[in-house]
Protein backbone atom coordinates (compact mmCIF):
# COMPACT_ATOMS: atom_id res chain seq x y z
CA UNK A 1 24.12 -4.09 -23.38
CA UNK A 2 27.19 -3.72 -21.14
CA UNK A 3 25.01 -2.64 -18.22
CA UNK A 4 22.72 -5.65 -18.62
CA UNK A 5 25.70 -8.02 -18.76
CA UNK A 6 26.97 -6.59 -15.46
CA UNK A 7 23.58 -7.20 -13.86
CA UNK A 8 23.54 -10.81 -15.04
CA UNK A 9 27.07 -11.27 -13.73
CA UNK A 10 25.91 -10.06 -10.32
CA UNK A 11 23.26 -12.80 -10.26
CA UNK A 12 25.81 -15.45 -11.20
CA UNK A 13 28.37 -14.29 -8.61
CA UNK A 14 25.79 -14.73 -5.86
CA UNK A 15 24.42 -17.95 -7.38
CA UNK A 16 21.08 -16.18 -7.22
CA UNK A 17 17.66 -16.77 -8.70
CA UNK A 18 16.67 -13.15 -9.31
CA UNK A 19 17.92 -9.58 -9.20
CA UNK A 20 15.42 -7.04 -7.85
CA UNK A 21 15.57 -3.28 -8.43
CA UNK A 22 12.99 -0.81 -7.09
CA UNK A 23 12.99 2.98 -6.97
CA UNK A 24 14.02 4.20 -3.52
CA UNK A 25 15.59 0.88 -2.50
CA UNK A 26 18.96 -0.82 -2.76
CA UNK A 27 19.37 -3.43 -5.53
CA UNK A 28 19.59 -6.98 -4.22
CA UNK A 29 19.88 -10.56 -5.40
CA UNK A 30 17.59 -13.31 -4.13
CA UNK A 31 19.67 -16.44 -3.48
CA UNK A 32 19.20 -19.67 -1.58
CA UNK A 33 21.26 -18.22 1.27
CA UNK A 34 19.04 -15.11 1.49
CA UNK A 35 19.13 -11.65 -0.05
CA UNK A 36 22.44 -10.10 -1.09
CA UNK A 37 22.68 -6.31 -1.34
CA UNK A 38 24.61 -5.17 -4.41
CA UNK A 39 25.08 -1.51 -3.53
CA UNK A 40 24.62 0.79 -0.53
CA UNK A 41 23.05 3.43 -2.78
CA UNK A 42 19.30 3.77 -3.31
CA UNK A 43 18.10 3.42 -6.88
CA UNK A 44 16.70 6.45 -8.68
CA UNK A 45 14.08 6.80 -11.39
CA UNK A 46 16.75 7.87 -13.88
CA UNK A 47 18.90 4.81 -13.15
CA UNK A 48 16.07 2.34 -13.69
CA UNK A 49 14.83 4.21 -16.76
CA UNK A 50 18.32 3.87 -18.25
CA UNK A 51 18.24 0.10 -17.65
CA UNK A 52 14.83 -0.16 -19.31
CA UNK A 53 16.03 1.83 -22.32
CA UNK A 54 19.10 -0.40 -22.74
CA UNK A 55 17.50 -3.78 -22.08
CA UNK A 56 14.05 -3.60 -23.65
CA UNK A 57 13.41 -3.34 -27.39
CA UNK A 58 11.10 -0.62 -28.69
CA UNK A 59 7.97 -2.80 -28.86
CA UNK A 60 8.38 -3.89 -25.23
CA UNK A 61 8.89 -0.28 -24.11
CA UNK A 62 5.68 0.68 -25.91
CA UNK A 63 3.86 -2.22 -24.27
CA UNK A 64 5.18 -1.15 -20.88
CA UNK A 65 3.89 2.37 -21.41
CA UNK A 66 0.49 1.06 -22.46
CA UNK A 67 -0.04 -1.84 -20.06
CA UNK A 68 2.09 -0.89 -17.07
CA UNK A 69 3.83 -4.31 -16.97
CA UNK A 70 5.89 -6.35 -19.41
CA UNK A 71 8.00 -9.52 -19.57
CA UNK A 72 10.93 -9.89 -21.96
CA UNK A 73 13.27 -12.84 -22.51
CA UNK A 74 16.79 -11.40 -22.57
CA UNK A 75 19.04 -12.49 -25.44
CA UNK A 76 21.93 -14.89 -24.63
CA UNK A 77 24.75 -13.17 -22.76
CA UNK A 78 28.50 -13.71 -23.15
CA UNK A 79 28.94 -13.71 -19.39
CA UNK A 80 26.37 -16.50 -18.92
CA UNK A 81 26.66 -19.09 -21.70
CA UNK A 82 23.79 -21.55 -21.66
CA UNK A 83 21.82 -19.51 -19.10
CA UNK A 84 18.38 -18.01 -19.77
CA UNK A 85 17.10 -14.82 -18.10
CA UNK A 86 13.77 -13.01 -18.18
CA UNK A 87 13.26 -9.36 -17.33
CA UNK A 88 9.95 -8.38 -15.70
CA UNK A 89 9.22 -4.65 -15.50
CA UNK A 90 6.29 -2.75 -14.01
CA UNK A 91 5.91 0.99 -13.99
CA UNK A 92 3.37 3.41 -12.60
CA UNK A 93 4.62 6.98 -12.98
CA UNK A 94 7.90 7.25 -11.10
CA UNK A 95 7.39 3.94 -9.31
CA UNK A 96 9.48 1.40 -11.25
CA UNK A 97 10.09 -2.23 -10.37
CA UNK A 98 12.51 -4.39 -12.34
CA UNK A 99 13.29 -8.04 -11.76
CA UNK A 100 15.69 -10.16 -13.76
CA UNK A 101 14.82 -13.83 -13.28
CA UNK A 102 17.21 -16.68 -13.82
CA UNK A 103 15.76 -19.84 -15.36
CA UNK A 104 17.87 -22.65 -14.04
CA UNK A 105 18.20 -25.87 -16.00
CA UNK A 106 16.61 -28.51 -13.77
CA UNK A 107 19.14 -31.08 -14.95
CA UNK A 108 21.99 -28.88 -13.82
CA UNK A 109 20.67 -28.38 -10.31
CA UNK A 110 22.23 -30.33 -7.44
CA UNK A 111 20.26 -33.49 -6.71
CA UNK A 112 18.37 -33.64 -3.43
CA UNK A 113 15.28 -35.26 -2.09
CA UNK A 114 13.51 -31.94 -1.67
CA UNK A 115 14.14 -28.93 -3.85
CA UNK A 116 13.33 -25.46 -2.43
CA UNK A 117 10.34 -23.82 -4.03
CA UNK A 118 11.16 -20.70 -6.00
CA UNK A 119 9.17 -18.27 -8.05
CA UNK A 120 10.48 -20.03 -11.15
CA UNK A 121 9.53 -23.52 -9.93
CA UNK A 122 6.02 -22.37 -9.22
CA UNK A 123 5.75 -21.13 -12.78
CA UNK A 124 7.35 -24.18 -14.36
CA UNK A 125 4.06 -25.57 -15.59
CA UNK A 126 2.86 -22.30 -17.07
CA UNK A 127 2.44 -22.28 -20.85
CA UNK A 128 5.23 -20.58 -22.82
CA UNK A 129 4.67 -16.98 -23.81
CA UNK A 130 4.77 -16.18 -27.49
CA UNK A 131 7.55 -13.85 -28.46
CA UNK A 132 5.10 -11.73 -30.43
CA UNK A 133 3.29 -10.67 -27.26
CA UNK A 134 5.71 -8.54 -25.24
CA UNK A 135 3.15 -7.12 -22.80
CA UNK A 136 2.51 -10.22 -20.75
CA UNK A 137 0.80 -9.44 -17.46
CA UNK A 138 2.97 -10.95 -14.74
CA UNK A 139 3.58 -10.32 -11.06
CA UNK A 140 6.50 -8.43 -9.65
CA UNK A 141 8.78 -10.78 -7.76
CA UNK A 142 8.11 -10.63 -4.09
CA UNK A 143 8.88 -12.72 -1.10
CA UNK A 144 6.21 -15.40 -0.84
CA UNK A 145 3.36 -14.49 1.48
CA UNK A 146 3.02 -16.80 4.45
CA UNK A 147 -0.04 -18.98 4.30
CA UNK A 148 -2.78 -18.48 6.85
CA UNK A 149 -4.85 -21.49 7.93
CA UNK A 150 -7.89 -20.26 6.05
CA UNK A 151 -5.96 -19.35 2.89
CA UNK A 152 -5.45 -21.89 0.14
CA UNK A 153 -3.45 -21.98 -3.04
CA UNK A 154 -5.46 -21.83 -6.24
CA UNK A 155 -4.39 -23.87 -9.24
CA UNK A 156 -4.21 -22.42 -12.70
CA UNK A 157 -6.64 -25.09 -13.85
CA UNK A 158 -9.41 -23.75 -11.59
CA UNK A 159 -8.61 -20.13 -12.36
CA UNK A 160 -8.46 -20.36 -16.14
CA UNK A 161 -10.77 -17.35 -16.52
CA UNK A 162 -10.42 -15.49 -13.25
CA UNK A 163 -6.64 -15.79 -13.22
CA UNK A 164 -6.45 -13.83 -16.46
CA UNK A 165 -8.77 -11.12 -15.11
CA UNK A 166 -6.73 -10.80 -11.92
CA UNK A 167 -3.53 -10.49 -13.95
CA UNK A 168 -5.08 -7.77 -16.08
CA UNK A 169 -6.25 -5.95 -12.96
CA UNK A 170 -2.82 -6.18 -11.35
CA UNK A 171 -1.06 -4.94 -14.49
CA UNK A 172 -3.26 -1.88 -14.61
CA UNK A 173 -2.45 -1.02 -11.01
CA UNK A 174 -5.94 -1.92 -9.78
CA UNK A 175 -6.72 -2.45 -6.14
CA UNK A 176 -10.02 -4.24 -6.76
CA UNK A 177 -11.65 -6.44 -9.40
CA UNK A 178 -15.47 -6.48 -9.61
CA UNK A 179 -17.47 -9.29 -11.24
CA UNK A 180 -21.17 -8.50 -11.45
CA UNK A 181 -24.02 -10.28 -13.23
CA UNK A 182 -25.10 -8.62 -16.51
CA UNK A 183 -21.97 -6.44 -16.56
CA UNK A 184 -18.47 -6.68 -17.91
CA UNK A 185 -15.71 -7.05 -15.28
CA UNK A 186 -14.61 -3.73 -13.77
CA UNK A 187 -11.58 -2.57 -11.80
CA UNK A 188 -10.77 0.25 -9.39
CA UNK A 189 -7.63 2.17 -10.28
CA UNK A 190 -6.54 5.19 -8.22
CA UNK A 191 -10.01 5.40 -6.73
CA UNK A 192 -11.85 5.37 -10.05
CA UNK A 193 -14.03 2.55 -11.42
CA UNK A 194 -13.38 1.50 -15.02
CA UNK A 195 -14.59 -1.38 -17.19
CA UNK A 196 -11.94 -3.81 -18.42
CA UNK A 197 -11.79 -3.14 -22.15
CA UNK A 198 -12.65 -6.00 -24.45
CA UNK A 199 -14.21 -8.19 -21.76
CA UNK A 200 -17.67 -9.68 -22.36
CA UNK A 201 -20.74 -9.19 -20.22
CA UNK A 202 -21.04 -11.98 -17.64
CA UNK A 203 -24.21 -13.95 -17.07
CA UNK A 204 -25.38 -15.14 -13.67
CA UNK A 205 -24.10 -18.64 -14.43
CA UNK A 206 -20.71 -17.23 -15.50
CA UNK A 207 -20.28 -15.40 -12.22
CA UNK A 208 -21.53 -18.32 -10.14
CA UNK A 209 -19.12 -20.70 -11.86
CA UNK A 210 -16.13 -18.43 -11.23
CA UNK A 211 -17.06 -17.96 -7.58
CA UNK A 212 -17.66 -21.66 -6.92
CA UNK A 213 -14.36 -22.67 -8.52
CA UNK A 214 -12.45 -20.15 -6.42
CA UNK A 215 -14.22 -20.53 -3.08
CA UNK A 216 -13.06 -22.97 -0.39
CA UNK A 217 -15.46 -25.70 0.61
CA UNK A 218 -16.70 -23.84 3.69
CA UNK A 219 -17.92 -20.94 1.51
CA UNK A 220 -19.57 -22.93 -1.27
CA UNK A 221 -22.74 -23.72 0.63
CA UNK A 222 -23.20 -20.03 1.38
CA UNK A 223 -22.75 -19.26 -2.31
CA UNK A 224 -25.31 -21.87 -3.34
CA UNK A 225 -27.86 -20.46 -0.88
CA UNK A 226 -27.20 -16.87 -1.96
CA UNK A 227 -25.60 -15.77 1.31
CA UNK A 228 -22.67 -13.38 1.38
CA UNK A 229 -19.33 -14.91 2.28
CA UNK A 230 -15.66 -13.99 2.12
CA UNK A 231 -12.32 -15.77 2.12
CA UNK A 232 -8.63 -15.32 1.39
CA UNK A 233 -6.63 -17.11 -1.25
CA UNK A 234 -3.10 -16.98 -2.63
CA UNK A 235 -3.18 -16.85 -6.40
CA UNK A 236 0.06 -17.91 -8.09
CA UNK A 237 1.81 -15.05 -9.90
CA UNK A 238 -0.68 -12.50 -8.53
CA UNK A 239 -0.39 -12.69 -4.75
CA UNK A 240 -2.92 -12.63 -1.96
CA UNK A 241 -6.51 -11.80 -2.83
CA UNK A 242 -9.42 -11.12 -0.48
CA UNK A 243 -12.61 -12.47 -2.05
CA UNK A 244 -16.12 -11.38 -1.15
CA UNK A 245 -19.36 -12.60 -2.69
CA UNK A 246 -22.76 -10.91 -2.74
CA UNK A 247 -26.10 -11.14 -4.48
CA UNK A 248 -28.02 -8.14 -5.83
CA UNK A 249 -31.14 -7.67 -7.97
CA UNK A 250 -29.31 -9.01 -11.05
CA UNK A 251 -27.74 -12.10 -9.53
CA UNK A 252 -24.45 -13.20 -7.92
CA UNK A 253 -21.37 -11.03 -7.82
CA UNK A 254 -17.85 -11.00 -6.46
CA UNK A 255 -15.34 -8.42 -5.26
CA UNK A 256 -11.65 -9.34 -5.31
CA UNK A 257 -9.27 -7.04 -3.47
CA UNK A 258 -5.63 -7.39 -4.46
CA UNK A 259 -3.37 -7.16 -1.43
CA UNK A 260 -0.01 -5.66 -2.41
CA UNK A 261 2.91 -7.87 -1.48
CA UNK A 262 5.21 -4.87 -1.25
CA UNK A 263 4.70 -1.76 0.82
CA UNK A 264 4.86 1.64 -0.83
CA UNK A 265 7.92 3.21 0.76
CA UNK A 266 8.18 6.56 2.49
CA UNK A 267 10.37 7.78 -0.37
CA UNK A 268 7.73 6.84 -2.92
CA UNK A 269 5.05 8.66 -0.93
CA UNK A 270 7.26 11.73 -0.66
CA UNK A 271 7.02 11.93 3.12
CA UNK A 272 8.69 14.97 4.61
CA UNK A 273 11.67 14.89 6.93
CA UNK A 274 9.43 15.94 9.82
CA UNK A 275 6.99 13.06 9.23
CA UNK A 276 9.83 10.56 9.00
CA UNK A 277 11.22 12.07 12.19
CA UNK A 278 8.12 10.85 14.01
CA UNK A 279 9.16 7.27 13.18
CA UNK A 280 12.32 7.77 15.24
CA UNK A 281 10.39 8.65 18.40
CA UNK A 282 11.04 6.08 21.15
CA UNK A 283 7.48 6.38 22.45
CA UNK A 284 4.32 8.42 22.30
CA UNK A 285 1.23 8.68 20.11
CA UNK A 286 1.15 9.39 16.38
CA UNK A 287 -2.31 9.90 14.87
CA UNK A 288 -2.99 9.39 11.16
CA UNK A 289 -6.24 11.13 10.19
CA UNK A 290 -8.31 11.54 7.07
CA UNK A 291 -11.76 10.85 5.65
CA UNK A 292 -12.75 7.47 4.22
CA UNK A 293 -10.55 6.22 1.36
CA UNK A 294 -7.92 8.91 1.95
CA UNK A 295 -4.94 6.56 2.02
CA UNK A 296 -4.54 6.23 5.79
CA UNK A 297 -3.65 2.53 5.56
CA UNK A 298 -1.04 3.20 2.87
CA UNK A 299 0.53 5.98 4.93
CA UNK A 300 0.63 3.87 8.09
CA UNK A 301 2.18 0.99 6.14
CA UNK A 302 4.93 3.35 4.93
CA UNK A 303 5.60 4.47 8.51
CA UNK A 304 5.83 0.85 9.68
CA UNK A 305 8.13 0.09 6.75
CA UNK A 306 10.41 2.99 7.74
CA UNK A 307 10.58 1.68 11.30
CA UNK A 308 11.16 -1.86 10.02
CA UNK A 309 14.15 -0.67 7.99
CA UNK A 310 15.78 1.63 10.54
CA UNK A 311 15.03 0.27 14.02
CA UNK A 312 15.40 -3.06 15.81
CA UNK A 313 12.02 -3.24 17.52
CA UNK A 314 9.10 -5.57 18.15
CA UNK A 315 6.22 -4.19 16.05
CA UNK A 316 2.63 -5.45 16.39
CA UNK A 317 -0.07 -4.23 14.01
CA UNK A 318 -3.84 -4.63 14.51
CA UNK A 319 -5.71 -4.29 11.22
CA UNK A 320 -9.27 -4.89 10.08
CA UNK A 321 -7.76 -6.07 6.81
CA UNK A 322 -4.10 -6.77 6.10
CA UNK A 323 -3.54 -4.79 2.93
CA UNK A 324 0.26 -4.64 2.99
CA UNK A 325 2.43 -7.52 4.14
CA UNK A 326 5.59 -6.57 6.07
CA UNK A 327 8.46 -9.04 6.02
CA UNK A 328 10.62 -8.58 9.11
CA UNK A 329 13.83 -6.72 8.32
CA UNK A 330 15.65 -4.87 11.11
CA UNK A 331 12.52 -5.22 13.26
CA UNK A 332 10.27 -8.15 14.11
CA UNK A 333 6.85 -7.35 12.63
CA UNK A 334 3.75 -9.30 13.63
CA UNK A 335 0.48 -8.44 11.85
CA UNK A 336 -2.92 -9.37 13.31
CA UNK A 337 -6.14 -9.21 11.31
CA UNK A 338 -9.15 -8.45 13.50
CA UNK A 339 -12.51 -8.98 11.78
CA UNK A 340 -14.86 -8.85 14.78
CA UNK A 341 -16.70 -6.16 16.72
CA UNK A 342 -15.34 -3.60 19.18
CA UNK A 343 -15.19 -6.18 21.97
CA UNK A 344 -12.97 -8.47 19.89
CA UNK A 345 -10.77 -5.54 18.91
CA UNK A 346 -10.32 -4.64 22.56
CA UNK A 347 -9.48 -8.23 23.52
CA UNK A 348 -6.89 -8.54 20.75
CA UNK A 349 -5.40 -5.12 21.60
CA UNK A 350 -5.08 -6.00 25.27
CA UNK A 351 -3.41 -9.27 24.33
CA UNK A 352 -0.98 -7.40 22.06
CA UNK A 353 -0.04 -4.97 24.85
CA UNK A 354 0.73 -7.90 27.16
CA UNK A 355 3.28 -9.05 24.58
CA UNK A 356 5.25 -5.89 25.38
CA UNK A 357 5.75 -4.54 21.84
CA UNK A 358 7.96 -1.52 21.27
CA UNK A 359 5.62 -0.26 18.53
CA UNK A 360 1.86 -0.83 18.49
CA UNK A 361 -0.13 0.00 15.36
CA UNK A 362 -3.91 0.28 15.66
CA UNK A 363 -5.69 0.42 12.34
CA UNK A 364 -8.81 2.07 13.72
CA UNK A 365 -9.64 3.87 16.98
CA UNK A 366 -13.16 2.51 16.92
CA UNK A 367 -14.29 2.66 20.57
CA UNK A 368 -13.65 4.62 23.80
CA UNK A 369 -11.90 1.57 25.27
CA UNK A 370 -9.49 1.29 22.33
CA UNK A 371 -8.76 5.03 22.55
CA UNK A 372 -7.99 4.75 26.27
CA UNK A 373 -5.75 1.74 25.62
CA UNK A 374 -3.83 3.62 22.92
CA UNK A 375 -3.24 6.65 25.14
CA UNK A 376 -2.24 4.49 28.10
CA UNK A 377 0.18 2.48 25.94
CA UNK A 378 1.76 5.70 24.69
CA UNK A 379 2.03 7.01 28.25
CA UNK A 380 3.80 3.78 29.20
CA UNK A 381 6.55 4.50 26.68
CA UNK A 382 5.43 2.56 23.62
CA UNK A 383 5.27 4.17 20.22
CA UNK A 384 1.63 3.94 19.17
CA UNK A 385 0.54 4.70 15.60
CA UNK A 386 -3.23 4.87 15.23
CA UNK A 387 -5.72 5.83 12.53
CA UNK A 388 -8.77 7.98 13.18
CA UNK A 389 -11.43 9.27 10.81
CA UNK A 390 -11.24 13.08 10.84
CA UNK A 391 -10.65 15.81 8.28
CA UNK A 392 -7.98 17.84 10.08
CA UNK A 393 -5.43 17.45 12.86
CA UNK A 394 -7.49 19.57 15.24
CA UNK A 395 -10.69 17.62 14.56
CA UNK A 396 -8.79 14.35 15.03
CA UNK A 397 -7.74 15.39 18.54
CA UNK A 398 -11.25 16.63 19.27
CA UNK A 399 -12.76 13.33 18.18
CA UNK A 400 -10.27 11.37 20.24
CA UNK A 401 -10.98 13.38 23.40
CA UNK A 402 -14.74 13.12 22.84
CA UNK A 403 -14.37 9.37 23.45
CA UNK A 404 -13.69 10.03 27.13
CA UNK A 405 -16.56 10.64 29.59
CA UNK A 406 -16.84 14.22 30.91
CA UNK A 407 -15.46 13.29 34.33
CA UNK A 408 -12.27 11.93 32.71
CA UNK A 409 -11.82 14.70 30.15
CA UNK A 410 -9.31 16.79 32.09
CA UNK A 411 -7.09 13.79 32.85
CA UNK A 412 -7.30 12.68 29.21
CA UNK A 413 -6.27 16.12 27.99
CA UNK A 414 -3.21 16.09 30.25
CA UNK A 415 -2.30 12.56 29.17
CA UNK A 416 -2.68 13.46 25.50
CA UNK A 417 -0.64 16.65 25.91
CA UNK A 418 2.14 14.55 27.41
CA UNK A 419 2.08 11.56 25.05
CA UNK A 420 1.18 13.09 21.68
CA UNK A 421 4.01 13.31 19.17
CA UNK A 422 2.19 14.43 16.05
CA UNK A 423 -0.92 14.26 13.88
CA UNK A 424 -0.82 13.68 10.12
CA UNK A 425 -4.11 14.50 8.34
CA UNK A 426 -4.29 13.46 4.70
CA UNK A 427 -6.63 13.92 1.74
CA UNK A 428 -6.28 12.50 -1.78
CA UNK A 429 -6.69 14.69 -4.86
CA UNK A 430 -6.97 13.92 -8.55
CA UNK A 431 -3.88 15.09 -10.41
CA UNK A 432 -4.27 17.06 -13.62
CA UNK A 433 -2.25 14.49 -15.57
CA UNK A 434 -3.97 11.47 -14.07
CA UNK A 435 -3.37 9.63 -10.85
CA UNK A 436 -3.73 10.96 -7.33
CA UNK A 437 -1.67 13.06 -4.96
CA UNK A 438 -1.82 13.23 -1.17
CA UNK A 439 -2.00 16.61 0.56
CA UNK A 440 -0.88 16.28 4.17
CA UNK A 441 -1.41 18.49 7.18
CA UNK A 442 1.16 18.04 9.94
CA UNK A 443 0.73 19.06 13.57
CA UNK A 444 3.70 18.55 15.88
CA UNK A 445 3.39 18.54 19.65
CA UNK A 446 5.50 21.56 20.48
CA UNK A 447 5.30 23.22 23.88
CA UNK A 448 2.69 25.66 22.57
CA UNK A 449 0.54 22.85 21.14
CA UNK A 450 0.84 20.78 24.33
CA UNK A 451 -0.36 23.75 26.38
CA UNK A 452 -3.45 24.15 24.20
CA UNK A 453 -4.23 20.42 24.30
CA UNK A 454 -3.85 20.27 28.08
CA UNK A 455 -6.23 23.22 28.45
CA UNK A 456 -8.73 21.79 25.96
CA UNK A 457 -8.38 24.82 23.68
CA UNK A 458 -8.35 22.81 20.47
CA UNK A 459 -10.02 25.59 18.47
CA UNK A 460 -6.73 27.51 18.74
CA UNK A 461 -4.65 24.74 17.17
CA UNK A 462 -4.96 26.07 13.57
CA UNK A 463 -3.38 29.34 14.71
CA UNK A 464 -0.64 27.40 16.49
CA UNK A 465 0.06 25.54 13.26
CA UNK A 466 0.32 28.81 11.34
CA UNK A 467 2.98 30.04 13.75
CA UNK A 468 4.60 26.59 13.92
CA UNK A 469 5.77 26.51 10.31
CA UNK A 470 9.32 27.12 11.56
CA UNK A 471 9.11 23.76 13.35
CA UNK A 472 7.98 21.96 10.20
CA UNK A 473 4.23 22.13 10.74
CA UNK A 474 2.11 22.28 7.59
CA UNK A 475 -1.50 23.51 7.54
CA UNK A 476 -3.64 21.61 5.03
CA UNK A 477 -4.31 24.73 2.96
CA UNK A 478 -0.56 25.23 2.53
CA UNK A 479 -0.25 21.74 1.05
CA UNK A 480 -3.24 22.28 -1.24
CA UNK A 481 -2.01 25.63 -2.54
CA UNK A 482 1.47 24.17 -3.17
CA UNK A 483 -0.07 21.53 -5.44
CA UNK A 484 -2.04 24.22 -7.31
CA UNK A 485 1.06 26.39 -7.75
CA UNK A 486 3.07 23.49 -9.16
CA UNK A 487 0.29 22.57 -11.59
CA UNK A 488 -0.05 19.12 -10.06
CA UNK A 489 -3.67 19.68 -9.03
CA UNK A 490 -6.36 21.92 -10.50
CA UNK A 491 -7.55 24.72 -8.22
CA UNK A 492 -11.14 23.46 -8.41
CA UNK A 493 -10.11 19.99 -7.21
CA UNK A 494 -8.11 21.49 -4.34
CA UNK A 495 -11.08 23.71 -3.43
CA UNK A 496 -13.36 20.66 -3.23
CA UNK A 497 -10.96 18.95 -0.84
CA UNK A 498 -10.29 22.00 1.34
CA UNK A 499 -11.82 21.83 4.81
CA UNK A 500 -11.64 25.59 5.45
CA UNK A 501 -12.55 26.82 1.97
CA UNK A 502 -12.73 30.49 2.87
CA UNK A 503 -9.18 30.45 4.20
CA UNK A 504 -8.07 28.41 1.17
CA UNK A 505 -9.44 31.01 -1.26
CA UNK A 506 -7.81 33.81 0.72
CA UNK A 507 -4.47 32.01 0.48
CA UNK A 508 -4.89 31.52 -3.28
CA UNK A 509 -5.55 35.25 -3.73
CA UNK A 510 -2.53 36.09 -1.58
CA UNK A 511 -0.41 33.96 -3.91
CA UNK A 512 -1.88 35.67 -6.98
CA UNK A 513 -3.86 32.65 -8.20
CA UNK A 514 -7.13 33.22 -10.04
CA UNK A 515 -10.16 32.25 -7.92
CA UNK A 516 -12.90 33.05 -10.44
CA UNK A 517 -13.56 29.30 -10.76
CA UNK A 518 -15.59 29.56 -7.55
CA UNK A 519 -18.26 31.54 -9.37
CA UNK A 520 -18.47 28.84 -12.05
CA UNK A 521 -18.88 26.18 -9.38
CA UNK A 522 -21.75 28.06 -7.73
């Protein structure tokens, strides 16, 4: 337990409330004066696994493997007599989060009229956890999310049933909780829907009661009349949740989307050096492409996080739904949620440009006017990161240019050839061992690519990518075949996600991989 004692000593030296350790990040202590970095080195999977093995008993390690999250009260330490510490661990594959929380004795705290609110003080009224239940579903410690005017805190009293379901969903790595009449609660994990084991079927009155208890006053009348409504709330020990109600042929229902309080980092996503290099560009346009539910928002959040850590810039994001909250680090990050139509998007985007941001993030290029604004902003020297629904890099550029009227097409091609920095096209695949992997196509705006874009010869871009491998470009089929070769993804799954299937099969054969599965799929 020598390692654990040293970690507790680090908390005491900084007079901190918690020590946070996350794969791919530096360890730091949360104290009243702010965060205190403990080491310049980034934490590895092996390092955090070693801490888990030393600190947690066997039953807690088993619970962690089964549930994905566990809380354990650490035994008294020689270095901290009279102090009590709790270790909270969550793990999903190689993504490990550890927090050691310090439980201060209220009597020992300095007296003041107003005590700062901490994660521990918010949990002070929670019932004690029995020692016989090591796999308690708890949140990972995160900086508190700022309240929005329409968001409200939800008390544990009102969320006696739903709070437990949200905790279960969060512990299993779910992005969404579904409550439907005449069905047991379900969750979405890694894109797949699954029923929460051991939960009873809910009646219409059960669902209605949960929704009415959770909804703010302005939404309750809509619920009583059967109209759809939505709202945001901050649930203690879970985080921010977007709530949406509906009514179908069986009765009322609710969808609860869990908004992660921490961004998945570029290191966790395994972004290449060339993709991260785009984040260092002083200006220009970066397109993030992919079909629906392909992880575009997650990828963009990782790019913003990389900029936030490495550059001192003013970053403004425009999002239809804030799924990842960025706390300003080296940069000043301002996130705007836009829920209206294309006209409202355009008004908000124009307002954001007038604020003179260094980096502008547009969550969806949803109209010709927004596309023109993005290109113009990139031409003016801003770094613009924008999402567009398309399967490949070439089709993303084609779709973008199609937004311009014919008489403006030539000028748009020249502007795009000048301002484009790169296109990342992504698809998600089911891994053979469970979970999902992202295959990414990367197009960089080399001189050859810029010439083709300026001339409108987008159909030749795939060939330019083939010859641009020396610059770091990656055709989608290359990424798919690499996953098949490593055994990460089954060849049939990669085939289903391939856009140019004929070329994909030819590449498999060239690499000596059996393609007879195609006949079985026919």
